[in-house]
Structure formats: structure tokens, C-alpha cells
Amino acid sequence: MLALLSSCGGEQRESAAAQVDEFGFPLLQLEQAASELSVSLPQRMAETPAGDEDPDDLITNVYAIPSTFFDYGRLRDLDSLSLDPFSDKKTAKQLFESYGVVFGPGTKIFTGSATKELVIRQTRDQMNAVEAILEEINVKALGASRTINVRIEIFELPAVKALKLQDEANSKADHKEEWKAVMELMNKGNARFVTSATAGAQAGKRARFSDAQEVVYAVEFDWEDPNKQRDISGLFETRDVGTVLEIKPVIGDDGKSVELAYTFEYHSALPGEKRLMIAIPHATEPVEVSAPVFHAKKISSELTVADGAIRIIACWRPTGDPEFKSRDLMHIVFLKVDLQPVVSGKRFP
């Protein structure tokens, strides 16, 4: 970015003084500009020597931005090389100036949808204001395109400890302290991680995570001749056995909370089998059939969670493993919700 801007000096200023952009730099010829734009913005910055006019406290930040950033406030796209002086679209510099950001000596700004980067060279104080504005754009203007990540974690620990943590969490909106307590128990060997599931979706969209195997089983039987089991026909269904998470998140009116509808199903063991004796009308003897035994735990709920919050959503006894009967264990289930920022950045001091 800075290499592109600083290259527009000397002889070019004298020959094209009448044709300058909003930064006071002469407009480049199409071929030269296209060549410059093919260079990555961080590379341009690295190639740019510091100007004598730059204050000592200037820093350069590079932000990754979505294409929707240009729709906000009707921004002009400098990468399109469409510098129509009669356009009613703002430049990124004008957008930040409308919020009160001051661009003094040595400060610069560059943005474009082709690179999907916003580069700003500013003082540290003004950069704080820039980041506050970007956060506002994240929350309000670009909310619909933000991704909400939902993560569920299951831990196994002694029942008395799990019930105590659940009781302590009942009066709290955020259960980070209880989650940290489980981490400490794991470090001491008194708890173990069982599994996790993560799903991400844009606001108002659905997402599904599945780490499961399909199990086919019969739900109905029909005998043409009840005394001849070889004439059995059945109706079969399929069920996912494992870990399944489905979500539909919506960002709250404050832009910082999430209204989450979710369904979570976890099987603590593979299905078992039980034999059933079924009495058939007009048959002389009952018929033996096999039926699956699922060790499933399922939650379907809707709740409002703050960005970055952790919640305990369940506590249950696992089944299906002989070890579960011999030990007094419980599973505690945490849910985490995080709003991903649309505009993110890195700093070059």
C-alpha cells in the first residue's frame, strides 16, 4: 500500500498535478495501477521507507474485510480504479472522517475489494478510534454476515463434583469459573475429556455437525404366516449413533448476544441388543425378535447467550459401559458461543 502511494511522487506529481485523488496523489495509468495492485498490501508496506514527515508514533494496521464492507455507507472501491469525481459513494477515508477520525501528516488509508484488505497508517490514539468504529460496523452494519460458532464440550468426573458445579452455576449467567474448575480437575487427573462438537453458522442460518455412524434397525414386523419366521418382512429406520449438533443462531438486537436454538444428541455407548418375545394373533407360539437399545442423551432448547459466554446445559449419568455401573460418574456438558468478527486485523509497528 505505502509503496504504491509513495511511488506517486517527484516527476509524476509535476506531470499530472491536475489529476489527483482524494489523498493528493496523482492518478496512475490503468496498466501501472493494475500492476501495483497485484502486489500484496503487506509487501507494499514492507517495501516503503518511512517518510520524514511521519510522526514517531505512527503505526500501520492491516484489516481483513468482507465484500459487504463496501456496501456499508456506500463506499467507493479503489481497486476498481473507478475514481469518478461525480460518484456519490464515499471513500474509506471519508467514512472514518465522518466519525471524527483525523488524518494528519504522514497518515494514509487504502482499501479494495480485490485484496479484501483495509490498510491504515495512523497515530496510536486515532487508531484506537478506528478500531472502535470497525467494532461498531461489526456489530451493526455487518451483523447479518457474521458467523456464530457454537461448541459443546463433555467431561467425565465424579458425580459429587459434577452435581456441585451444576448447583454453583444455577444462579449465574456465565459459567466460565465452573469450566475452569473442570480444567483444574483434569490437570489433577480427577476428570477426563469425553468429546466435543463445533458448528458455525451465519445469523439466521442452520448448521449441523455429525460425528456418528448409521445404525439400521427394524421398527415393525409383518408375518405372512406367523408360524413361519422365514416369511418375515420388516419396516426399517436409520439412526445416527455418536455425536450430533444442530444449531440456528440469531444475533440479538444489541449486536452482542446470541439467541440460539439447538439440538444436541450424544450416545455414551454403541447400541446394545435385547430379545423380545412377541405374541402374534392366531399364532400357536410367540415369536422372538431383536430390538436395539440406544444409550442416547438428547437436548433440544432455545436460550440467549452473551458473546464469549460458557454455559452448563446438562449433567447426566452415562450408560452402556459396564464401567459406568461400577463407578459413580457423571458427564457435565458445557456450551460455548462466540461471535466471529467480520473485520479482523494485524499490526505492523
Protein backbone atom coordinates (compact mmCIF):
# COMPACT_ATOMS: atom_id res chain seq x y z
CA MET A 1 0.00 0.00 0.00
CA LEU A 2 2.60 2.52 1.05
CA ALA A 3 4.90 1.50 -1.80
CA LEU A 4 2.08 2.24 -4.21
CA LEU A 5 1.37 5.62 -2.68
CA SER A 6 4.97 6.70 -2.18
CA SER A 7 5.80 5.81 -5.78
CA CYS A 8 3.44 8.55 -6.89
CA GLY A 9 5.89 11.38 -6.30
CA GLY A 10 8.56 13.50 -7.96
CA GLU A 11 8.13 13.64 -11.71
CA GLN A 12 4.63 12.17 -11.64
CA ARG A 13 3.42 14.94 -9.35
CA GLU A 14 4.68 17.57 -11.76
CA SER A 15 3.26 15.97 -14.91
CA ALA A 16 -0.16 15.06 -13.52
CA ALA A 17 -0.67 17.72 -10.88
CA ALA A 18 -4.16 18.45 -12.10
CA GLN A 19 -5.30 14.84 -11.80
CA VAL A 20 -5.04 13.81 -8.16
CA ASP A 21 -7.06 11.52 -5.97
CA GLU A 22 -8.58 12.30 -2.57
CA PHE A 23 -5.19 11.71 -0.90
CA GLY A 24 -3.46 14.32 -3.05
CA PHE A 25 -1.62 11.67 -5.06
CA PRO A 26 -1.68 11.71 -8.89
CA LEU A 27 -3.86 9.14 -10.60
CA LEU A 28 -1.93 6.22 -12.09
CA GLN A 29 -2.28 4.91 -15.59
CA LEU A 30 -4.50 1.82 -15.73
CA GLU A 31 -1.64 -0.58 -16.60
CA GLN A 32 0.62 0.73 -13.85
CA ALA A 33 -2.16 0.71 -11.25
CA ALA A 34 -3.17 -2.83 -12.10
CA SER A 35 0.44 -3.92 -11.74
CA GLU A 36 0.75 -2.21 -8.39
CA LEU A 37 -2.50 -3.72 -7.15
CA SER A 38 -1.20 -7.22 -7.86
CA VAL A 39 1.34 -6.72 -5.05
CA SER A 40 0.03 -7.71 -1.63
CA LEU A 41 -0.59 -4.87 0.80
CA PRO A 42 1.79 -6.14 3.50
CA GLN A 43 4.52 -6.42 0.84
CA ARG A 44 3.86 -2.83 -0.23
CA MET A 45 4.20 -1.69 3.35
CA ALA A 46 7.42 -3.63 3.88
CA GLU A 47 8.95 -2.01 0.77
CA THR A 48 8.06 1.53 1.86
CA PRO A 49 10.70 3.63 3.62
CA ALA A 50 9.40 5.81 6.41
CA GLY A 51 8.77 9.38 5.30
CA ASP A 52 10.48 12.25 7.03
CA GLU A 53 7.11 13.78 7.77
CA ASP A 54 5.79 10.72 9.65
CA PRO A 55 5.47 11.24 13.42
CA ASP A 56 7.28 8.71 15.59
CA ASP A 57 4.03 7.24 16.97
CA LEU A 58 2.54 6.24 13.61
CA ILE A 59 1.59 2.58 13.30
CA THR A 60 0.16 0.60 10.40
CA ASN A 61 -2.69 -1.88 10.78
CA VAL A 62 -3.97 -4.29 8.14
CA TYR A 63 -7.56 -5.46 8.45
CA ALA A 64 -9.22 -8.31 6.58
CA ILE A 65 -12.63 -7.09 5.44
CA PRO A 66 -15.60 -8.74 3.71
CA SER A 67 -17.03 -7.55 0.43
CA THR A 68 -20.11 -6.33 2.33
CA PHE A 69 -17.88 -3.69 3.93
CA PHE A 70 -18.15 -1.69 0.71
CA ASP A 71 -21.94 -1.72 0.83
CA TYR A 72 -21.88 -0.11 4.24
CA GLY A 73 -22.07 3.67 3.82
CA ARG A 74 -21.88 3.29 0.00
CA LEU A 75 -18.09 3.04 -0.07
CA ARG A 76 -16.06 3.50 -3.25
CA ASP A 77 -13.89 0.57 -4.23
CA LEU A 78 -10.42 1.92 -5.03
CA ASP A 79 -9.34 -1.40 -6.52
CA SER A 80 -11.92 -0.94 -9.27
CA LEU A 81 -9.99 2.18 -10.39
CA SER A 82 -13.36 3.90 -10.69
CA LEU A 83 -12.47 7.35 -9.40
CA ASP A 84 -15.45 9.17 -10.85
CA PRO A 85 -15.44 12.64 -9.21
CA PHE A 86 -19.24 12.74 -9.59
CA SER A 87 -19.78 9.45 -7.70
CA ASP A 88 -21.95 9.77 -4.60
CA LYS A 89 -20.02 6.98 -2.89
CA LYS A 90 -17.65 7.73 -0.04
CA THR A 91 -14.03 6.77 0.22
CA ALA A 92 -12.96 4.81 3.29
CA LYS A 93 -11.12 7.94 4.42
CA GLN A 94 -14.33 9.97 4.22
CA LEU A 95 -16.18 7.28 6.15
CA PHE A 96 -13.74 7.42 9.07
CA GLU A 97 -13.60 11.21 8.94
CA SER A 98 -17.40 11.27 9.29
CA TYR A 99 -16.91 9.52 12.63
CA GLY A 100 -14.37 12.12 13.71
CA VAL A 101 -11.09 10.41 12.86
CA VAL A 102 -8.40 12.94 11.95
CA PHE A 103 -5.87 12.11 9.23
CA GLY A 104 -2.80 14.21 9.94
CA PRO A 105 0.68 14.37 8.35
CA GLY A 106 2.02 11.00 7.29
CA THR A 107 -1.26 9.15 7.79
CA LYS A 108 -2.70 7.12 4.92
CA ILE A 109 -5.53 4.72 4.17
CA PHE A 110 -6.06 2.18 1.39
CA THR A 111 -8.81 -0.34 0.78
CA GLY A 112 -10.09 -2.55 -2.01
CA SER A 113 -12.41 -5.49 -2.55
CA ALA A 114 -9.89 -7.36 -4.74
CA THR A 115 -7.39 -7.66 -1.87
CA LYS A 116 -10.12 -7.63 0.82
CA GLU A 117 -7.78 -5.61 2.99
CA LEU A 118 -8.03 -2.26 4.69
CA VAL A 119 -4.66 -0.68 5.49
CA ILE A 120 -4.48 2.33 7.78
CA ARG A 121 -1.42 4.26 8.93
CA GLN A 122 -2.36 6.38 11.91
CA THR A 123 -1.30 7.60 15.31
CA ARG A 124 -1.95 5.24 18.19
CA ASP A 125 -4.71 7.45 19.62
CA GLN A 126 -6.51 7.73 16.31
CA MET A 127 -6.04 4.00 15.66
CA ASN A 128 -7.99 3.30 18.84
CA ALA A 129 -10.85 5.33 17.39
CA VAL A 130 -10.56 3.45 14.07
CA GLU A 131 -10.85 0.10 15.85
CA ALA A 132 -13.88 1.30 17.82
CA ILE A 133 -15.54 2.25 14.52
CA LEU A 134 -14.71 -1.12 12.98
CA GLU A 135 -16.25 -2.81 16.01
CA GLU A 136 -19.42 -0.79 15.52
CA ILE A 137 -19.50 -1.83 11.86
CA ASN A 138 -19.00 -5.43 13.01
CA VAL A 139 -21.94 -5.24 15.40
CA LYS A 140 -24.45 -3.18 13.43
CA ALA A 141 -23.73 -2.84 9.74
CA LEU A 142 -22.31 -6.31 9.06
CA GLY A 143 -24.23 -8.30 11.67
CA ALA A 144 -26.11 -10.43 9.15
CA SER A 145 -22.89 -11.75 7.65
CA ARG A 146 -21.21 -12.59 10.96
CA THR A 147 -20.54 -16.21 11.83
CA ILE A 148 -21.60 -17.60 15.19
CA ASN A 149 -19.51 -20.52 16.45
CA VAL A 150 -21.16 -22.91 18.88
CA ARG A 151 -19.05 -25.51 20.67
CA ILE A 152 -20.15 -28.23 23.07
CA GLU A 153 -17.69 -30.00 25.36
CA ILE A 154 -18.37 -33.07 27.51
CA PHE A 155 -16.28 -34.03 30.53
CA GLU A 156 -16.46 -37.05 32.81
CA LEU A 157 -15.91 -36.59 36.54
CA PRO A 158 -17.07 -37.95 39.89
CA ALA A 159 -20.81 -37.45 40.35
CA VAL A 160 -20.47 -35.45 43.57
CA LYS A 161 -18.19 -32.92 41.88
CA ALA A 162 -20.38 -32.65 38.78
CA LEU A 163 -23.51 -32.02 40.86
CA LYS A 164 -21.69 -29.42 42.96
CA LEU A 165 -20.57 -27.49 39.85
CA GLN A 166 -24.07 -27.63 38.41
CA ASP A 167 -25.53 -26.32 41.67
CA GLU A 168 -22.99 -23.45 41.82
CA ALA A 169 -23.84 -22.45 38.25
CA ASN A 170 -27.61 -22.25 38.73
CA SER A 171 -27.60 -18.59 39.76
CA LYS A 172 -25.07 -17.40 37.15
CA ALA A 173 -25.40 -16.29 33.52
CA ASP A 174 -21.83 -17.28 32.67
CA HIS A 175 -20.17 -20.49 33.83
CA LYS A 176 -16.53 -19.79 32.96
CA GLU A 177 -15.44 -20.40 36.55
CA GLU A 178 -17.06 -23.84 36.56
CA TRP A 179 -15.36 -24.65 33.24
CA LYS A 180 -12.01 -23.58 34.71
CA ALA A 181 -12.68 -25.78 37.73
CA VAL A 182 -13.12 -28.77 35.41
CA MET A 183 -9.81 -27.89 33.69
CA GLU A 184 -8.11 -27.98 37.10
CA LEU A 185 -9.68 -31.36 37.86
CA MET A 186 -8.34 -32.67 34.53
CA ASN A 187 -4.84 -31.42 35.35
CA LYS A 188 -5.02 -33.34 38.63
CA GLY A 189 -6.29 -36.49 36.95
CA ASN A 190 -9.73 -36.27 38.56
CA ALA A 191 -11.67 -35.65 35.33
CA ARG A 192 -11.34 -36.57 31.67
CA PHE A 193 -12.35 -35.06 28.37
CA VAL A 194 -15.01 -37.14 26.58
CA THR A 195 -15.79 -35.41 23.29
CA SER A 196 -16.72 -32.10 21.67
CA ALA A 197 -18.79 -30.79 18.76
CA THR A 198 -18.44 -27.47 16.95
CA ALA A 199 -20.76 -25.89 14.40
CA GLY A 200 -20.64 -22.42 12.83
CA ALA A 201 -23.43 -20.61 11.03
CA GLN A 202 -24.32 -17.14 9.84
CA ALA A 203 -27.10 -15.39 11.70
CA GLY A 204 -30.45 -16.93 10.88
CA LYS A 205 -28.91 -19.92 9.07
CA ARG A 206 -28.84 -23.56 10.15
CA ALA A 207 -25.76 -25.73 10.63
CA ARG A 208 -25.22 -29.36 11.55
CA PHE A 209 -22.25 -31.25 12.93
CA SER A 210 -22.23 -35.05 12.95
CA ASP A 211 -19.61 -37.49 14.19
CA ALA A 212 -21.68 -40.64 14.07
CA GLN A 213 -22.29 -43.96 12.38
CA GLU A 214 -25.59 -45.02 10.88
CA VAL A 215 -27.41 -47.87 12.56
CA VAL A 216 -30.22 -49.58 10.69
CA TYR A 217 -32.89 -51.33 12.77
CA ALA A 218 -36.38 -52.72 12.35
CA VAL A 219 -39.33 -50.88 13.84
CA GLU A 220 -42.18 -53.04 12.56
CA PHE A 221 -42.58 -56.68 11.56
CA ASP A 222 -45.15 -58.47 9.48
CA TRP A 223 -45.57 -62.22 9.07
CA GLU A 224 -47.45 -63.72 6.18
CA ASP A 225 -47.54 -66.94 8.17
CA PRO A 226 -46.97 -66.37 11.91
CA ASN A 227 -45.71 -69.95 12.32
CA LYS A 228 -43.00 -69.50 9.67
CA GLN A 229 -40.39 -66.93 10.73
CA ARG A 230 -38.71 -67.15 7.35
CA ASP A 231 -41.67 -65.23 5.91
CA ILE A 232 -40.91 -62.12 7.99
CA SER A 233 -40.89 -58.69 6.35
CA GLY A 234 -39.91 -55.56 8.22
CA LEU A 235 -40.01 -51.77 8.19
CA PHE A 236 -36.57 -50.32 8.88
CA GLU A 237 -35.26 -46.94 10.06
CA THR A 238 -31.80 -45.40 10.28
CA ARG A 239 -30.40 -43.52 13.25
CA ASP A 240 -27.13 -41.66 13.73
CA VAL A 241 -25.25 -43.03 16.72
CA GLY A 242 -22.49 -40.80 18.08
CA THR A 243 -22.43 -37.02 18.47
CA VAL A 244 -24.80 -34.73 16.56
CA LEU A 245 -25.21 -30.96 16.97
CA GLU A 246 -27.70 -28.80 15.06
CA ILE A 247 -27.93 -25.04 15.54
CA LYS A 248 -29.81 -21.99 14.32
CA PRO A 249 -28.36 -18.81 15.87
CA VAL A 250 -29.70 -15.26 15.60
CA ILE A 251 -27.79 -12.17 16.73
CA GLY A 252 -29.68 -10.16 19.36
CA ASP A 253 -30.76 -6.55 18.95
CA ASP A 254 -27.75 -5.39 20.99
CA GLY A 255 -25.39 -6.99 18.47
CA LYS A 256 -23.50 -8.79 21.23
CA SER A 257 -25.83 -11.58 22.34
CA VAL A 258 -26.99 -14.69 20.51
CA GLU A 259 -30.46 -16.21 20.53
CA LEU A 260 -29.67 -19.85 19.95
CA ALA A 261 -31.97 -22.71 19.00
CA TYR A 262 -30.12 -26.01 19.15
CA THR A 263 -30.46 -29.78 19.36
CA PHE A 264 -27.66 -31.91 20.74
CA GLU A 265 -27.59 -35.72 20.85
CA TYR A 266 -24.84 -37.85 22.31
CA HIS A 267 -24.59 -41.63 22.64
CA SER A 268 -22.43 -42.75 25.54
CA ALA A 269 -22.01 -46.23 24.01
CA LEU A 270 -22.89 -48.23 20.92
CA PRO A 271 -26.40 -49.69 20.89
CA GLY A 272 -27.00 -52.85 22.84
CA GLU A 273 -29.45 -55.58 21.92
CA LYS A 274 -32.40 -57.10 23.66
CA ARG A 275 -34.52 -60.06 22.66
CA LEU A 276 -38.28 -59.72 22.82
CA MET A 277 -40.98 -62.38 22.68
CA ILE A 278 -43.91 -61.03 20.66
CA ALA A 279 -47.33 -62.62 20.78
CA ILE A 280 -48.83 -62.78 17.30
CA PRO A 281 -52.61 -63.09 16.84
CA HIS A 282 -53.64 -66.56 15.70
CA ALA A 283 -50.10 -67.89 16.18
CA THR A 284 -49.54 -71.01 18.28
CA GLU A 285 -46.28 -69.67 19.79
CA PRO A 286 -44.76 -66.23 20.47
CA VAL A 287 -42.08 -65.02 18.09
CA GLU A 288 -38.64 -63.84 19.25
CA VAL A 289 -37.35 -60.60 17.73
CA SER A 290 -34.28 -58.45 18.30
CA ALA A 291 -34.53 -54.76 19.24
CA PRO A 292 -31.74 -52.18 19.72
CA VAL A 293 -31.07 -50.39 22.99
CA PHE A 294 -29.78 -46.86 22.39
CA HIS A 295 -27.76 -45.08 25.06
CA ALA A 296 -28.71 -41.62 23.82
CA LYS A 297 -28.83 -38.30 25.67
CA LYS A 298 -30.67 -35.55 23.81
CA ILE A 299 -31.26 -31.85 24.46
CA SER A 300 -33.45 -29.50 22.41
CA SER A 301 -33.65 -25.96 23.68
CA GLU A 302 -33.61 -22.23 22.94
CA LEU A 303 -31.59 -19.77 25.00
CA THR A 304 -29.98 -16.35 24.91
CA VAL A 305 -26.22 -16.33 25.45
CA ALA A 306 -23.75 -13.44 25.55
CA ASP A 307 -20.88 -13.41 23.08
CA GLY A 308 -17.99 -15.38 24.59
CA ALA A 309 -20.09 -16.91 27.35
CA ILE A 310 -19.91 -20.50 28.59
CA ARG A 311 -22.98 -22.31 29.91
CA ILE A 312 -23.59 -25.66 31.58
CA ILE A 313 -26.51 -27.15 29.65
CA ALA A 314 -26.71 -30.68 31.06
CA CYS A 315 -25.41 -33.17 33.57
CA TRP A 316 -26.21 -36.88 33.15
CA ARG A 317 -25.17 -40.40 34.03
CA PRO A 318 -23.56 -42.24 31.10
CA THR A 319 -24.91 -45.69 30.26
CA GLY A 320 -23.94 -48.66 28.12
CA ASP A 321 -20.50 -49.41 29.53
CA PRO A 322 -20.00 -51.82 32.47
CA GLU A 323 -17.54 -49.31 33.94
CA PHE A 324 -20.36 -46.81 34.39
CA LYS A 325 -22.15 -49.20 36.74
CA SER A 326 -19.09 -49.83 38.89
CA ARG A 327 -18.09 -46.18 39.27
CA ASP A 328 -20.11 -43.18 40.45
CA LEU A 329 -19.52 -40.99 37.37
CA MET A 330 -21.41 -38.24 35.58
CA HIS A 331 -20.94 -36.27 32.38
CA ILE A 332 -21.11 -32.50 32.55
CA VAL A 333 -21.85 -30.64 29.30
CA PHE A 334 -20.66 -27.09 28.51
CA LEU A 335 -21.85 -24.89 25.64
CA LYS A 336 -19.68 -22.03 24.31
CA VAL A 337 -20.85 -19.28 21.95
CA ASP A 338 -18.53 -16.92 20.07
CA LEU A 339 -19.33 -14.22 17.52
CA GLN A 340 -16.60 -14.10 14.90
CA PRO A 341 -15.62 -10.56 13.91
CA VAL A 342 -16.15 -9.73 10.25
CA VAL A 343 -13.29 -7.23 10.27
CA SER A 344 -10.09 -8.52 11.82
CA GLY A 345 -6.62 -7.08 11.75
CA LYS A 346 -2.92 -7.33 12.43
CA ARG A 347 -0.49 -4.60 13.40
CA PHE A 348 2.79 -3.56 11.86
CA PRO A 349 4.63 -1.27 14.31
